[in-house]
C-alpha cells in the first residue's frame, strides 16, 4: 500500500515532504511490529537495544556512557534502562577497575539466553523487509545514510 492510502492523503507539498512523512510513518510501523515481538518478554525496544549492545561487547564490560554512544534512540535514559534490566537479572553492574566513578555493565547468561531466543523471532520479524530484494535493501540503507548526512537547510 502507498503512503497516500495508508494516511489517506491525496497529495504532498513536495517529493521531499512525501519522503520525510514516509520515513516517519515507516519507522512507526516497524517499531510497532518490533514491539509486538518483544511484548511477551516484557522488553521495550530500548531495553532490547541495550541487551544487543551488551552482547556485542560480551565478554568485555561496557560503561553506561559506552552504551549511550551506541544506542539507536539517543533520547533514552540508559541508566534507567540498565536499572530495569538489573531487576530482570539480564545484566550485572560492577565497579570499573580503571575508574572508580564509572560502572561497568555486563550481560548475564539469562540475558544472552533471551537474546538467542529473540534472534529466531527477529529473523522472522525482518522478513517484513523481504518484499525488498537484497540490492533494494542495501540501496534503501544507503539512501537513509545519505539523508542523515545532509546538512539542515539552515546550514546550507
N, C-alpha and C. Protein backbone atom coordinates (compact mmCIF):
# COMPACT_ATOMS: atom_id res chain seq x y z
N UNK A 1 0.84 -1.18 0.00
CA UNK A 1 0.00 0.00 0.00
C UNK A 1 0.89 1.25 0.00
N UNK A 2 0.43 2.30 -0.61
CA UNK A 2 1.20 3.54 -0.70
C UNK A 2 0.98 4.40 0.55
N UNK A 3 1.88 5.32 0.76
CA UNK A 3 1.76 6.24 1.89
C UNK A 3 0.47 7.06 1.76
N UNK A 4 0.11 7.41 0.53
CA UNK A 4 -1.13 8.17 0.31
C UNK A 4 -2.34 7.42 0.86
N UNK A 5 -2.40 6.11 0.56
CA UNK A 5 -3.53 5.30 1.03
C UNK A 5 -3.44 5.05 2.53
N UNK A 6 -2.24 4.80 3.03
CA UNK A 6 -2.08 4.50 4.46
C UNK A 6 -2.52 5.64 5.34
N UNK A 7 -2.21 6.87 4.96
CA UNK A 7 -2.57 8.01 5.81
C UNK A 7 -3.72 8.84 5.22
N UNK A 8 -4.29 8.32 4.14
CA UNK A 8 -5.45 8.95 3.49
C UNK A 8 -5.18 10.42 3.15
N UNK A 9 -4.09 10.61 2.42
CA UNK A 9 -3.71 11.95 1.96
C UNK A 9 -3.46 11.86 0.46
N UNK A 10 -4.17 12.66 -0.29
CA UNK A 10 -4.11 12.58 -1.75
C UNK A 10 -2.80 13.09 -2.34
N UNK A 11 -2.25 14.13 -1.72
CA UNK A 11 -1.02 14.70 -2.28
C UNK A 11 -0.17 15.30 -1.17
N UNK A 12 1.05 15.64 -1.55
CA UNK A 12 2.01 16.21 -0.61
C UNK A 12 2.56 17.50 -1.22
N UNK A 13 3.12 18.36 -0.37
CA UNK A 13 3.67 19.63 -0.84
C UNK A 13 4.79 19.42 -1.84
N UNK A 14 5.58 18.37 -1.61
CA UNK A 14 6.72 18.10 -2.49
C UNK A 14 7.14 16.65 -2.33
N UNK A 15 8.01 16.21 -3.22
CA UNK A 15 8.55 14.85 -3.13
C UNK A 15 9.33 14.68 -1.83
N UNK A 16 10.04 15.75 -1.42
CA UNK A 16 10.81 15.68 -0.17
C UNK A 16 9.88 15.56 1.04
N UNK A 17 8.80 16.30 1.03
CA UNK A 17 7.83 16.23 2.11
C UNK A 17 7.23 14.82 2.18
N UNK A 18 6.88 14.27 1.05
CA UNK A 18 6.33 12.92 1.00
C UNK A 18 7.35 11.92 1.54
N UNK A 19 8.60 12.06 1.15
CA UNK A 19 9.64 11.14 1.60
C UNK A 19 9.81 11.21 3.12
N UNK A 20 9.84 12.42 3.67
CA UNK A 20 10.02 12.57 5.12
C UNK A 20 8.84 11.97 5.89
N UNK A 21 7.64 12.23 5.43
CA UNK A 21 6.46 11.66 6.07
C UNK A 21 6.50 10.14 5.97
N UNK A 22 6.92 9.64 4.83
CA UNK A 22 7.00 8.19 4.64
C UNK A 22 8.05 7.56 5.56
N UNK A 23 9.18 8.23 5.75
CA UNK A 23 10.22 7.72 6.66
C UNK A 23 9.68 7.65 8.09
N UNK A 24 9.02 8.70 8.55
CA UNK A 24 8.47 8.73 9.90
C UNK A 24 7.38 7.67 10.06
N UNK A 25 6.49 7.59 9.10
CA UNK A 25 5.40 6.61 9.15
C UNK A 25 5.94 5.19 9.16
N UNK A 26 6.92 4.93 8.30
CA UNK A 26 7.50 3.59 8.20
C UNK A 26 8.26 3.23 9.48
N UNK A 27 8.96 4.21 10.06
CA UNK A 27 9.63 3.97 11.33
C UNK A 27 8.63 3.53 12.40
N UNK A 28 7.52 4.24 12.49
CA UNK A 28 6.50 3.89 13.48
C UNK A 28 5.90 2.52 13.20
N UNK A 29 5.69 2.19 11.94
CA UNK A 29 5.15 0.88 11.55
C UNK A 29 6.11 -0.23 11.96
N UNK A 30 7.39 -0.05 11.65
CA UNK A 30 8.38 -1.06 12.01
C UNK A 30 8.52 -1.18 13.53
N UNK A 31 8.51 -0.07 14.25
CA UNK A 31 8.62 -0.10 15.71
C UNK A 31 7.43 -0.83 16.32
N UNK A 32 6.24 -0.62 15.79
CA UNK A 32 5.06 -1.31 16.29
C UNK A 32 5.19 -2.82 16.10
N UNK A 33 5.64 -3.23 14.93
CA UNK A 33 5.85 -4.66 14.68
C UNK A 33 6.89 -5.23 15.64
N UNK A 34 7.97 -4.49 15.86
CA UNK A 34 9.03 -4.95 16.77
C UNK A 34 8.52 -5.04 18.20
N UNK A 35 7.71 -4.07 18.63
CA UNK A 35 7.17 -4.10 19.99
C UNK A 35 6.28 -5.31 20.21
N UNK A 36 5.55 -5.72 19.17
CA UNK A 36 4.70 -6.90 19.27
C UNK A 36 5.54 -8.16 19.53
N UNK A 37 6.73 -8.22 18.94
CA UNK A 37 7.63 -9.35 19.16
C UNK A 37 8.15 -9.34 20.59
N UNK A 38 8.48 -8.16 21.12
CA UNK A 38 9.11 -8.04 22.43
C UNK A 38 8.14 -8.08 23.60
N UNK A 39 6.88 -7.74 23.35
CA UNK A 39 5.90 -7.62 24.43
C UNK A 39 5.80 -8.87 25.31
N UNK A 40 5.73 -10.08 24.75
CA UNK A 40 5.62 -11.27 25.61
C UNK A 40 6.84 -11.48 26.52
N UNK A 41 7.93 -10.81 26.21
CA UNK A 41 9.16 -10.94 27.00
C UNK A 41 9.35 -9.78 27.97
N UNK A 42 8.34 -8.92 28.05
CA UNK A 42 8.37 -7.75 28.93
C UNK A 42 9.62 -6.90 28.69
N UNK A 43 9.92 -6.69 27.39
CA UNK A 43 11.06 -5.86 27.00
C UNK A 43 10.57 -4.72 26.14
N UNK A 44 11.19 -3.56 26.32
CA UNK A 44 10.93 -2.43 25.43
C UNK A 44 11.96 -2.46 24.30
N UNK A 45 11.71 -1.67 23.28
CA UNK A 45 12.68 -1.55 22.19
C UNK A 45 14.03 -1.07 22.71
N UNK A 46 14.00 -0.11 23.64
CA UNK A 46 15.24 0.45 24.17
C UNK A 46 16.00 -0.57 25.02
N UNK A 47 15.27 -1.36 25.83
CA UNK A 47 15.92 -2.40 26.63
C UNK A 47 16.55 -3.46 25.71
N UNK A 48 15.84 -3.81 24.67
CA UNK A 48 16.35 -4.78 23.69
C UNK A 48 17.62 -4.24 23.04
N UNK A 49 17.63 -2.97 22.72
CA UNK A 49 18.81 -2.34 22.13
C UNK A 49 20.00 -2.42 23.09
N UNK A 50 19.76 -2.14 24.36
CA UNK A 50 20.84 -2.21 25.36
C UNK A 50 21.38 -3.64 25.46
N UNK A 51 20.49 -4.61 25.50
CA UNK A 51 20.94 -6.01 25.58
C UNK A 51 21.78 -6.39 24.36
N UNK A 52 21.37 -5.94 23.20
CA UNK A 52 22.14 -6.26 21.99
C UNK A 52 23.51 -5.58 22.01
N UNK A 53 23.56 -4.37 22.53
CA UNK A 53 24.85 -3.67 22.66
C UNK A 53 25.76 -4.47 23.60
N UNK A 54 25.20 -4.89 24.72
CA UNK A 54 25.99 -5.64 25.70
C UNK A 54 26.46 -6.98 25.13
N UNK A 55 25.59 -7.63 24.36
CA UNK A 55 26.00 -8.90 23.74
C UNK A 55 27.13 -8.66 22.74
N UNK A 56 27.03 -7.58 22.00
CA UNK A 56 28.07 -7.25 21.03
C UNK A 56 29.41 -6.97 21.69
N UNK A 57 29.37 -6.57 22.94
CA UNK A 57 30.58 -6.24 23.68
C UNK A 57 31.07 -7.42 24.51
N UNK A 58 30.21 -8.41 24.70
CA UNK A 58 30.49 -9.58 25.54
C UNK A 58 31.71 -10.34 25.04
N UNK A 59 32.61 -10.78 25.86
CA UNK A 59 32.52 -10.88 27.32
C UNK A 59 33.08 -9.66 28.05
N UNK A 60 33.47 -8.63 27.31
CA UNK A 60 34.01 -7.42 27.94
C UNK A 60 32.87 -6.57 28.49
N UNK A 61 33.11 -5.87 29.60
CA UNK A 61 32.10 -4.96 30.12
C UNK A 61 32.10 -3.66 29.32
N UNK A 62 31.07 -2.88 29.54
CA UNK A 62 30.97 -1.57 28.91
C UNK A 62 30.34 -0.61 29.92
N UNK A 63 30.73 0.63 29.88
CA UNK A 63 30.16 1.63 30.78
C UNK A 63 28.83 2.13 30.22
N UNK A 64 28.07 2.79 31.07
CA UNK A 64 26.80 3.38 30.63
C UNK A 64 27.07 4.39 29.51
N UNK A 65 28.15 5.14 29.62
CA UNK A 65 28.50 6.12 28.57
C UNK A 65 28.72 5.38 27.24
N UNK A 66 29.39 4.24 27.30
CA UNK A 66 29.62 3.44 26.09
C UNK A 66 28.32 2.95 25.50
N UNK A 67 27.38 2.60 26.35
CA UNK A 67 26.06 2.15 25.88
C UNK A 67 25.36 3.32 25.18
N UNK A 68 25.37 4.49 25.82
CA UNK A 68 24.70 5.67 25.25
C UNK A 68 25.24 5.97 23.86
N UNK A 69 26.55 5.88 23.69
CA UNK A 69 27.17 6.19 22.39
C UNK A 69 26.70 5.25 21.28
N UNK A 70 26.26 4.05 21.65
CA UNK A 70 25.88 3.04 20.66
C UNK A 70 24.36 2.90 20.49
N UNK A 71 23.59 3.57 21.34
CA UNK A 71 22.13 3.39 21.31
C UNK A 71 21.50 3.96 20.04
N UNK A 72 20.44 3.29 19.60
CA UNK A 72 19.69 3.77 18.44
C UNK A 72 18.84 4.98 18.82
N UNK A 73 18.27 4.95 20.01
CA UNK A 73 17.43 6.05 20.48
C UNK A 73 18.25 6.88 21.46
N UNK A 74 18.82 7.96 20.96
CA UNK A 74 19.72 8.79 21.77
C UNK A 74 18.99 9.53 22.90
N UNK A 75 17.67 9.55 22.86
CA UNK A 75 16.90 10.25 23.89
C UNK A 75 16.60 9.35 25.09
N UNK A 76 16.92 8.07 25.00
CA UNK A 76 16.63 7.15 26.09
C UNK A 76 17.55 7.39 27.27
N UNK A 77 17.03 7.09 28.46
CA UNK A 77 17.80 7.20 29.69
C UNK A 77 18.47 5.85 29.93
N UNK A 78 19.73 5.74 29.54
CA UNK A 78 20.44 4.45 29.60
C UNK A 78 20.56 3.95 31.04
N UNK A 79 20.79 4.83 31.99
CA UNK A 79 20.91 4.40 33.39
C UNK A 79 19.61 3.75 33.87
N UNK A 80 18.50 4.35 33.52
CA UNK A 80 17.20 3.80 33.91
C UNK A 80 16.96 2.45 33.22
N UNK A 81 17.35 2.36 31.96
CA UNK A 81 17.19 1.09 31.23
C UNK A 81 18.03 -0.02 31.87
N UNK A 82 19.26 0.32 32.24
CA UNK A 82 20.13 -0.66 32.90
C UNK A 82 19.51 -1.08 34.23
N UNK A 83 18.96 -0.12 34.98
CA UNK A 83 18.31 -0.46 36.26
C UNK A 83 17.18 -1.47 36.05
N UNK A 84 16.38 -1.26 35.02
CA UNK A 84 15.27 -2.18 34.75
C UNK A 84 15.78 -3.56 34.34
N UNK A 85 16.86 -3.58 33.56
CA UNK A 85 17.44 -4.87 33.16
C UNK A 85 18.11 -5.56 34.35
N UNK A 86 18.62 -4.80 35.30
CA UNK A 86 19.17 -5.37 36.54
C UNK A 86 18.08 -6.10 37.31
N UNK A 87 16.91 -5.46 37.43
CA UNK A 87 15.79 -6.08 38.13
C UNK A 87 15.34 -7.38 37.47
N UNK A 88 15.51 -7.46 36.17
CA UNK A 88 15.13 -8.66 35.41
C UNK A 88 16.27 -9.69 35.36
N UNK A 89 17.38 -9.34 36.01
CA UNK A 89 18.56 -10.21 36.08
C UNK A 89 19.18 -10.49 34.70
N UNK A 90 19.05 -9.51 33.83
CA UNK A 90 19.61 -9.63 32.47
C UNK A 90 21.02 -9.04 32.39
N UNK A 91 21.34 -8.17 33.35
CA UNK A 91 22.66 -7.53 33.39
C UNK A 91 23.14 -7.48 34.83
N UNK A 92 24.43 -7.25 34.98
CA UNK A 92 25.03 -7.01 36.30
C UNK A 92 25.89 -5.76 36.20
N UNK A 93 26.05 -5.11 37.34
CA UNK A 93 26.91 -3.94 37.46
C UNK A 93 28.11 -4.31 38.29
N UNK A 94 29.23 -3.70 37.96
CA UNK A 94 30.40 -3.85 38.83
C UNK A 94 31.26 -2.60 38.69
N UNK A 95 32.01 -2.33 39.75
CA UNK A 95 32.87 -1.16 39.75
C UNK A 95 33.92 -1.30 38.66
N UNK A 96 34.13 -0.23 37.94
CA UNK A 96 35.14 -0.21 36.88
C UNK A 96 36.52 -0.14 37.54
N UNK A 97 37.40 -1.11 37.27
CA UNK A 97 38.71 -1.11 37.92
C UNK A 97 39.59 0.08 37.51
N UNK A 98 39.36 0.64 36.33
CA UNK A 98 40.18 1.75 35.83
C UNK A 98 39.71 3.12 36.30
N UNK A 99 38.42 3.20 36.67
CA UNK A 99 37.84 4.49 37.05
C UNK A 99 36.74 4.23 38.07
N UNK A 100 36.99 4.52 39.31
CA UNK A 100 36.02 4.22 40.37
C UNK A 100 34.70 4.96 40.22
N UNK A 101 34.72 6.06 39.47
CA UNK A 101 33.48 6.82 39.26
C UNK A 101 32.59 6.15 38.23
N UNK A 102 33.19 5.30 37.40
CA UNK A 102 32.43 4.62 36.34
C UNK A 102 31.95 3.25 36.82
N UNK A 103 30.92 2.77 36.19
CA UNK A 103 30.37 1.46 36.50
C UNK A 103 30.37 0.65 35.21
N UNK A 104 30.88 -0.58 35.31
CA UNK A 104 30.86 -1.49 34.17
C UNK A 104 29.55 -2.27 34.17
N UNK A 105 29.03 -2.50 32.98
CA UNK A 105 27.80 -3.27 32.82
C UNK A 105 28.14 -4.50 32.00
N UNK A 106 27.63 -5.64 32.44
CA UNK A 106 27.83 -6.91 31.74
C UNK A 106 26.49 -7.61 31.54
N UNK A 107 26.32 -8.24 30.41
CA UNK A 107 25.11 -9.04 30.18
C UNK A 107 25.28 -10.37 30.91
N UNK A 108 24.20 -10.87 31.49
CA UNK A 108 24.22 -12.15 32.19
C UNK A 108 23.88 -13.27 31.21
N UNK A 109 24.06 -14.50 31.67
CA UNK A 109 23.68 -15.65 30.84
C UNK A 109 22.18 -15.62 30.54
N UNK A 110 21.40 -15.18 31.53
CA UNK A 110 19.95 -15.04 31.31
C UNK A 110 19.66 -14.08 30.16
N UNK A 111 20.40 -12.97 30.12
CA UNK A 111 20.24 -12.01 29.03
C UNK A 111 20.66 -12.59 27.70
N UNK A 112 21.77 -13.32 27.70
CA UNK A 112 22.26 -13.96 26.46
C UNK A 112 21.27 -15.00 25.97
N UNK A 113 20.70 -15.77 26.89
CA UNK A 113 19.73 -16.80 26.51
C UNK A 113 18.47 -16.18 25.91
N UNK A 114 18.04 -15.08 26.51
CA UNK A 114 16.85 -14.39 25.98
C UNK A 114 17.12 -13.87 24.58
N UNK A 115 18.29 -13.28 24.37
CA UNK A 115 18.62 -12.78 23.04
C UNK A 115 18.70 -13.90 22.02
N UNK A 116 19.21 -15.06 22.41
CA UNK A 116 19.27 -16.20 21.49
C UNK A 116 17.86 -16.60 21.06
N UNK A 117 16.94 -16.58 22.01
CA UNK A 117 15.54 -16.89 21.69
C UNK A 117 14.93 -15.82 20.79
N UNK A 118 15.24 -14.58 21.11
CA UNK A 118 14.70 -13.47 20.31
C UNK A 118 15.32 -13.41 18.91
N UNK A 119 16.54 -13.93 18.75
CA UNK A 119 17.17 -13.94 17.42
C UNK A 119 16.31 -14.65 16.39
N UNK A 120 15.68 -15.75 16.81
CA UNK A 120 14.81 -16.51 15.91
C UNK A 120 13.61 -15.65 15.52
N UNK A 121 13.01 -15.00 16.52
CA UNK A 121 11.85 -14.14 16.25
C UNK A 121 12.26 -12.91 15.44
N UNK A 122 13.45 -12.40 15.72
CA UNK A 122 13.95 -11.23 14.99
C UNK A 122 14.09 -11.55 13.50
N UNK A 123 14.58 -12.73 13.21
CA UNK A 123 14.73 -13.12 11.80
C UNK A 123 13.37 -13.15 11.12
N UNK A 124 12.37 -13.67 11.81
CA UNK A 124 11.01 -13.68 11.25
C UNK A 124 10.50 -12.25 11.08
N UNK A 125 10.78 -11.40 12.07
CA UNK A 125 10.34 -10.01 12.00
C UNK A 125 10.97 -9.30 10.82
N UNK A 126 12.25 -9.56 10.59
CA UNK A 126 12.96 -8.91 9.48
C UNK A 126 12.39 -9.31 8.13
N UNK A 127 11.66 -10.41 8.08
CA UNK A 127 11.05 -10.82 6.82
C UNK A 127 10.02 -9.79 6.34
N UNK A 128 9.64 -8.87 7.24
CA UNK A 128 8.77 -7.77 6.82
C UNK A 128 9.45 -6.98 5.70
N UNK A 129 10.77 -7.00 5.70
CA UNK A 129 11.53 -6.27 4.69
C UNK A 129 11.84 -7.13 3.47
N UNK A 130 11.41 -8.38 3.51
CA UNK A 130 11.77 -9.26 2.41
C UNK A 130 10.98 -8.99 1.13
N UNK A 131 10.08 -8.00 1.19
CA UNK A 131 9.46 -7.53 -0.03
C UNK A 131 10.49 -6.78 -0.88
N UNK A 132 11.62 -6.48 -0.26
CA UNK A 132 12.73 -5.83 -0.97
C UNK A 132 13.77 -6.88 -1.32
N UNK A 133 14.36 -6.73 -2.49
CA UNK A 133 15.50 -7.59 -2.81
C UNK A 133 16.68 -7.17 -1.95
N UNK A 134 17.71 -8.00 -1.91
CA UNK A 134 18.89 -7.63 -1.14
C UNK A 134 19.49 -6.33 -1.68
N UNK A 135 19.49 -6.19 -2.98
CA UNK A 135 20.01 -4.98 -3.61
C UNK A 135 19.18 -3.76 -3.22
N UNK A 136 17.86 -3.90 -3.21
CA UNK A 136 16.99 -2.79 -2.83
C UNK A 136 17.17 -2.44 -1.35
N UNK A 137 17.34 -3.46 -0.49
CA UNK A 137 17.55 -3.21 0.93
C UNK A 137 18.85 -2.42 1.14
N UNK A 138 19.89 -2.79 0.41
CA UNK A 138 21.16 -2.05 0.50
C UNK A 138 21.00 -0.63 -0.02
N UNK A 139 20.26 -0.48 -1.12
CA UNK A 139 20.02 0.85 -1.67
C UNK A 139 19.24 1.72 -0.68
N UNK A 140 18.21 1.14 -0.06
CA UNK A 140 17.43 1.87 0.94
C UNK A 140 18.33 2.31 2.10
N UNK A 141 19.15 1.39 2.57
CA UNK A 141 20.06 1.72 3.67
C UNK A 141 21.02 2.83 3.27
N UNK A 142 21.56 2.75 2.06
CA UNK A 142 22.47 3.80 1.57
C UNK A 142 21.76 5.15 1.48
N UNK A 143 20.51 5.14 1.00
CA UNK A 143 19.75 6.40 0.89
C UNK A 143 19.46 6.99 2.27
N UNK A 144 19.14 6.13 3.25
CA UNK A 144 18.90 6.62 4.61
C UNK A 144 20.18 7.19 5.21
N UNK A 145 21.32 6.53 4.95
CA UNK A 145 22.61 7.08 5.40
C UNK A 145 22.84 8.45 4.78
N UNK A 146 22.56 8.56 3.48
CA UNK A 146 22.75 9.83 2.77
C UNK A 146 21.84 10.92 3.36
N UNK A 147 20.62 10.55 3.68
CA UNK A 147 19.67 11.50 4.26
C UNK A 147 20.22 12.07 5.57
N UNK A 148 20.78 11.22 6.42
CA UNK A 148 21.31 11.69 7.71
C UNK A 148 22.57 12.51 7.54
N UNK A 149 23.25 12.42 6.43
CA UNK A 149 24.48 13.19 6.21
C UNK A 149 24.21 14.55 5.59
N UNK A 150 23.00 14.76 5.15
CA UNK A 150 22.64 16.05 4.55
C UNK A 150 22.57 17.10 5.64
N UNK A 151 23.22 18.25 5.44
CA UNK A 151 23.12 19.31 6.46
C UNK A 151 21.72 19.91 6.44
N UNK A 152 21.23 20.34 7.60
CA UNK A 152 19.94 21.03 7.64
C UNK A 152 19.98 22.26 6.75
N UNK A 153 18.83 22.65 6.23
CA UNK A 153 18.79 23.79 5.29
C UNK A 153 19.39 25.05 5.89
N UNK A 154 19.26 25.24 7.19
CA UNK A 154 19.80 26.45 7.80
C UNK A 154 21.32 26.49 7.72
N UNK A 155 21.96 25.31 7.50
CA UNK A 155 23.42 25.27 7.40
C UNK A 155 23.89 25.31 5.96
N UNK A 156 22.98 25.26 5.00
CA UNK A 156 23.39 25.24 3.59
C UNK A 156 23.63 26.63 3.07
